[in-house]
């Protein structure tokens, strides 16, 4: 089952359960998927594109929650955090640190990288392999550490 199909099922289940908070978050996500389809002039997005879109939405919510907390609005920050948990349920399980290290070591061997100057090549290979299961910042830090 694709993420878009799962989204449709979860949306229907939230309507039946009359779960207003979850329903509104799922509608926002469905809307974002629809806009992305229009933007890319395609009927269906790939799983990787949908995962990237969800990650983008999660990042927006994290930034908003942080701003609300700084502005003294904990109730709005709480709402954003609830939306994050709903959105994260659609993301694939993140890779463990040791799995990431193995992935990076394989990419270093594949690209033949020997210095930090080749970090970009390794990162490109890693991001393709990780496919949304690891944050770019964490990947970058590990690549830098292993290439040092």
C-alpha atoms as a PDB file:
ATOM      1  CA  UNK A   1       0.000   0.000   0.000  1.00  0.00           C
ATOM      2  CA  UNK A   2       1.396   3.389  -0.977  1.00  0.00           C
ATOM      3  CA  UNK A   3       1.595   6.307   1.427  1.00  0.00           C
ATOM      4  CA  UNK A   4      -1.077   8.171  -0.545  1.00  0.00           C
ATOM      5  CA  UNK A   5      -3.436   5.179  -0.239  1.00  0.00           C
ATOM      6  CA  UNK A   6      -2.675   4.924   3.463  1.00  0.00           C
ATOM      7  CA  UNK A   7      -3.378   8.643   3.826  1.00  0.00           C
ATOM      8  CA  UNK A   8      -6.796   8.180   2.238  1.00  0.00           C
ATOM      9  CA  UNK A   9      -7.605   5.285   4.592  1.00  0.00           C
ATOM     10  CA  UNK A  10      -6.428   7.187   7.677  1.00  0.00           C
ATOM     11  CA  UNK A  11      -8.464  10.210   6.569  1.00  0.00           C
ATOM     12  CA  UNK A  12     -11.595   8.074   6.306  1.00  0.00           C
ATOM     13  CA  UNK A  13     -10.911   6.457   9.696  1.00  0.00           C
ATOM     14  CA  UNK A  14     -10.432   9.875  11.332  1.00  0.00           C
ATOM     15  CA  UNK A  15     -13.764  11.047   9.869  1.00  0.00           C
ATOM     16  CA  UNK A  16     -15.560   7.995  11.198  1.00  0.00           C
ATOM     17  CA  UNK A  17     -13.909   8.359  14.621  1.00  0.00           C
ATOM     18  CA  UNK A  18     -14.721  12.095  14.639  1.00  0.00           C
ATOM     19  CA  UNK A  19     -11.097  12.825  15.579  1.00  0.00           C
ATOM     20  CA  UNK A  20     -11.006  16.510  14.618  1.00  0.00           C
ATOM     21  CA  UNK A  21      -7.324  17.184  15.338  1.00  0.00           C
ATOM     22  CA  UNK A  22      -6.084  14.176  13.392  1.00  0.00           C
ATOM     23  CA  UNK A  23      -8.540  14.864  10.597  1.00  0.00           C
ATOM     24  CA  UNK A  24      -7.382  18.445  10.124  1.00  0.00           C
ATOM     25  CA  UNK A  25      -3.720  17.366  10.006  1.00  0.00           C
ATOM     26  CA  UNK A  26      -4.467  14.618   7.490  1.00  0.00           C
ATOM     27  CA  UNK A  27      -6.420  17.068   5.338  1.00  0.00           C
ATOM     28  CA  UNK A  28      -3.461  19.452   5.381  1.00  0.00           C
ATOM     29  CA  UNK A  29      -1.185  16.620   4.290  1.00  0.00           C
ATOM     30  CA  UNK A  30      -3.569  15.538   1.543  1.00  0.00           C
ATOM     31  CA  UNK A  31      -3.711  19.105   0.325  1.00  0.00           C
ATOM     32  CA  UNK A  32       0.089  19.346   0.292  1.00  0.00           C
ATOM     33  CA  UNK A  33       0.263  16.127  -1.744  1.00  0.00           C
ATOM     34  CA  UNK A  34      -2.307  17.523  -4.168  1.00  0.00           C
ATOM     35  CA  UNK A  35      -0.371  20.762  -4.599  1.00  0.00           C
ATOM     36  CA  UNK A  36       2.841  18.791  -5.174  1.00  0.00           C
ATOM     37  CA  UNK A  37       1.114  16.721  -7.864  1.00  0.00           C
ATOM     38  CA  UNK A  38      -0.082  19.885  -9.589  1.00  0.00           C
ATOM     39  CA  UNK A  39       3.339  21.489  -9.258  1.00  0.00           C
ATOM     40  CA  UNK A  40       5.067  18.481 -10.808  1.00  0.00           C
ATOM     41  CA  UNK A  41       2.236  17.981 -13.340  1.00  0.00           C
ATOM     42  CA  UNK A  42       1.932  14.322 -12.464  1.00  0.00           C
ATOM     43  CA  UNK A  43      -0.915  12.100 -11.381  1.00  0.00           C
ATOM     44  CA  UNK A  44       1.101  10.099  -8.854  1.00  0.00           C
ATOM     45  CA  UNK A  45       4.094  11.013  -6.713  1.00  0.00           C
ATOM     46  CA  UNK A  46       6.790   8.469  -5.966  1.00  0.00           C
ATOM     47  CA  UNK A  47       7.116   7.181  -2.423  1.00  0.00           C
ATOM     48  CA  UNK A  48      10.375   9.122  -2.041  1.00  0.00           C
ATOM     49  CA  UNK A  49       8.649  12.355  -3.091  1.00  0.00           C
ATOM     50  CA  UNK A  50       5.823  11.785  -0.616  1.00  0.00           C
ATOM     51  CA  UNK A  51       8.307  11.034   2.187  1.00  0.00           C
ATOM     52  CA  UNK A  52      10.242  14.210   1.334  1.00  0.00           C
ATOM     53  CA  UNK A  53       6.986  16.176   1.378  1.00  0.00           C
ATOM     54  CA  UNK A  54       6.024  14.790   4.788  1.00  0.00           C
ATOM     55  CA  UNK A  55       9.484  15.598   6.148  1.00  0.00           C
ATOM     56  CA  UNK A  56       9.101  19.150   4.844  1.00  0.00           C
ATOM     57  CA  UNK A  57       5.742  19.469   6.611  1.00  0.00           C
ATOM     58  CA  UNK A  58       7.227  18.104   9.852  1.00  0.00           C
ATOM     59  CA  UNK A  59      10.044  20.644   9.637  1.00  0.00           C
ATOM     60  CA  UNK A  60       7.508  23.467   9.173  1.00  0.00           C
ATOM     61  CA  UNK A  61       5.654  22.312  12.278  1.00  0.00           C
ATOM     62  CA  UNK A  62       8.857  22.068  14.342  1.00  0.00           C
ATOM     63  CA  UNK A  63       9.862  25.577  13.335  1.00  0.00           C
ATOM     64  CA  UNK A  64       6.391  26.898  14.124  1.00  0.00           C
ATOM     65  CA  UNK A  65       6.307  25.141  17.522  1.00  0.00           C
ATOM     66  CA  UNK A  66       9.687  26.634  18.379  1.00  0.00           C
ATOM     67  CA  UNK A  67       8.491  30.115  17.430  1.00  0.00           C
ATOM     68  CA  UNK A  68       5.298  29.724  19.448  1.00  0.00           C
ATOM     69  CA  UNK A  69       7.281  28.642  22.507  1.00  0.00           C
ATOM     70  CA  UNK A  70       9.587  31.635  22.151  1.00  0.00           C
ATOM     71  CA  UNK A  71       6.544  33.871  21.793  1.00  0.00           C
ATOM     72  CA  UNK A  72       4.915  32.529  24.953  1.00  0.00           C
ATOM     73  CA  UNK A  73       2.117  30.602  23.220  1.00  0.00           C
ATOM     74  CA  UNK A  74       2.413  27.051  24.635  1.00  0.00           C
ATOM     75  CA  UNK A  75      -1.117  26.064  23.535  1.00  0.00           C
ATOM     76  CA  UNK A  76      -0.258  26.722  19.875  1.00  0.00           C
ATOM     77  CA  UNK A  77       3.107  24.981  20.258  1.00  0.00           C
ATOM     78  CA  UNK A  78       1.277  21.971  21.678  1.00  0.00           C
ATOM     79  CA  UNK A  79      -1.047  21.885  18.653  1.00  0.00           C
ATOM     80  CA  UNK A  80       1.943  21.921  16.301  1.00  0.00           C
ATOM     81  CA  UNK A  81       3.557  19.071  18.247  1.00  0.00           C
ATOM     82  CA  UNK A  82       0.372  17.007  17.972  1.00  0.00           C
ATOM     83  CA  UNK A  83       0.434  17.544  14.204  1.00  0.00           C
ATOM     84  CA  UNK A  84       4.069  16.423  14.135  1.00  0.00           C
ATOM     85  CA  UNK A  85       3.182  13.096  15.773  1.00  0.00           C
ATOM     86  CA  UNK A  86       0.431  12.485  13.208  1.00  0.00           C
ATOM     87  CA  UNK A  87       2.745  13.334  10.309  1.00  0.00           C
ATOM     88  CA  UNK A  88       5.626  11.252  11.669  1.00  0.00           C
ATOM     89  CA  UNK A  89       3.380   8.178  11.736  1.00  0.00           C
ATOM     90  CA  UNK A  90       3.600   8.256   7.914  1.00  0.00           C
ATOM     91  CA  UNK A  91       7.391   8.390   7.796  1.00  0.00           C
ATOM     92  CA  UNK A  92       9.511   5.241   7.511  1.00  0.00           C
ATOM     93  CA  UNK A  93      11.315   4.046  10.627  1.00  0.00           C
ATOM     94  CA  UNK A  94      14.579   5.999  10.978  1.00  0.00           C
ATOM     95  CA  UNK A  95      17.868   4.144  10.676  1.00  0.00           C
ATOM     96  CA  UNK A  96      19.842   3.384  13.821  1.00  0.00           C
ATOM     97  CA  UNK A  97      23.236   5.035  14.260  1.00  0.00           C
ATOM     98  CA  UNK A  98      25.182   1.836  13.531  1.00  0.00           C
ATOM     99  CA  UNK A  99      23.089   1.190  10.401  1.00  0.00           C
ATOM    100  CA  UNK A 100      23.821   4.736   9.241  1.00  0.00           C
ATOM    101  CA  UNK A 101      27.530   4.220   9.809  1.00  0.00           C
ATOM    102  CA  UNK A 102      27.481   1.033   7.712  1.00  0.00           C
ATOM    103  CA  UNK A 103      25.583   2.858   4.974  1.00  0.00           C
ATOM    104  CA  UNK A 104      28.113   5.705   4.963  1.00  0.00           C
ATOM    105  CA  UNK A 105      31.107   3.355   4.955  1.00  0.00           C
ATOM    106  CA  UNK A 106      29.620   1.543   1.933  1.00  0.00           C
ATOM    107  CA  UNK A 107      29.089   4.873   0.153  1.00  0.00           C
ATOM    108  CA  UNK A 108      32.678   5.927   0.920  1.00  0.00           C
ATOM    109  CA  UNK A 109      33.961   2.693  -0.605  1.00  0.00           C
ATOM    110  CA  UNK A 110      31.629   3.035  -3.586  1.00  0.00           C
ATOM    111  CA  UNK A 111      32.711   6.605  -4.355  1.00  0.00           C
ATOM    112  CA  UNK A 112      36.362   6.057  -3.442  1.00  0.00           C
ATOM    113  CA  UNK A 113      36.323   9.152  -1.212  1.00  0.00           C
ATOM    114  CA  UNK A 114      39.440   9.762   0.856  1.00  0.00           C
ATOM    115  CA  UNK A 115      39.110  13.342   2.101  1.00  0.00           C
ATOM    116  CA  UNK A 116      36.527  15.845   3.305  1.00  0.00           C
ATOM    117  CA  UNK A 117      36.637  17.500  -0.128  1.00  0.00           C
ATOM    118  CA  UNK A 118      34.608  14.565  -1.442  1.00  0.00           C
ATOM    119  CA  UNK A 119      31.870  14.875   1.176  1.00  0.00           C
ATOM    120  CA  UNK A 120      29.339  15.964  -1.462  1.00  0.00           C
ATOM    121  CA  UNK A 121      29.750  12.764  -3.477  1.00  0.00           C
ATOM    122  CA  UNK A 122      29.341  10.606  -0.391  1.00  0.00           C
ATOM    123  CA  UNK A 123      26.334  12.616   0.812  1.00  0.00           C
ATOM    124  CA  UNK A 124      24.614  12.223  -2.557  1.00  0.00           C
ATOM    125  CA  UNK A 125      25.045   8.447  -2.437  1.00  0.00           C
ATOM    126  CA  UNK A 126      23.961   8.320   1.216  1.00  0.00           C
ATOM    127  CA  UNK A 127      20.801  10.352   0.705  1.00  0.00           C
ATOM    128  CA  UNK A 128      19.764   8.100  -2.156  1.00  0.00           C
ATOM    129  CA  UNK A 129      20.295   5.001   0.003  1.00  0.00           C
ATOM    130  CA  UNK A 130      18.781   6.397   3.183  1.00  0.00           C
ATOM    131  CA  UNK A 131      15.637   7.477   1.289  1.00  0.00           C
ATOM    132  CA  UNK A 132      14.193   9.701   4.001  1.00  0.00           C
ATOM    133  CA  UNK A 133      15.141   7.492   6.921  1.00  0.00           C
ATOM    134  CA  UNK A 134      17.898   9.792   8.152  1.00  0.00           C
ATOM    135  CA  UNK A 135      18.182  13.539   8.617  1.00  0.00           C
ATOM    136  CA  UNK A 136      20.643  15.288   6.333  1.00  0.00           C
ATOM    137  CA  UNK A 137      22.300  17.011   9.274  1.00  0.00           C
ATOM    138  CA  UNK A 138      23.061  13.702  10.986  1.00  0.00           C
ATOM    139  CA  UNK A 139      24.318  12.189   7.734  1.00  0.00           C
ATOM    140  CA  UNK A 140      26.575  15.178   7.159  1.00  0.00           C
ATOM    141  CA  UNK A 141      28.070  14.978  10.655  1.00  0.00           C
ATOM    142  CA  UNK A 142      28.773  11.255  10.332  1.00  0.00           C
ATOM    143  CA  UNK A 143      30.286  11.610   6.850  1.00  0.00           C
ATOM    144  CA  UNK A 144      32.534  14.396   8.134  1.00  0.00           C
ATOM    145  CA  UNK A 145      33.615  12.264  11.077  1.00  0.00           C
ATOM    146  CA  UNK A 146      34.341   9.197   8.951  1.00  0.00           C
ATOM    147  CA  UNK A 147      36.225  11.151   6.265  1.00  0.00           C
ATOM    148  CA  UNK A 148      38.399  13.021   8.766  1.00  0.00           C
END
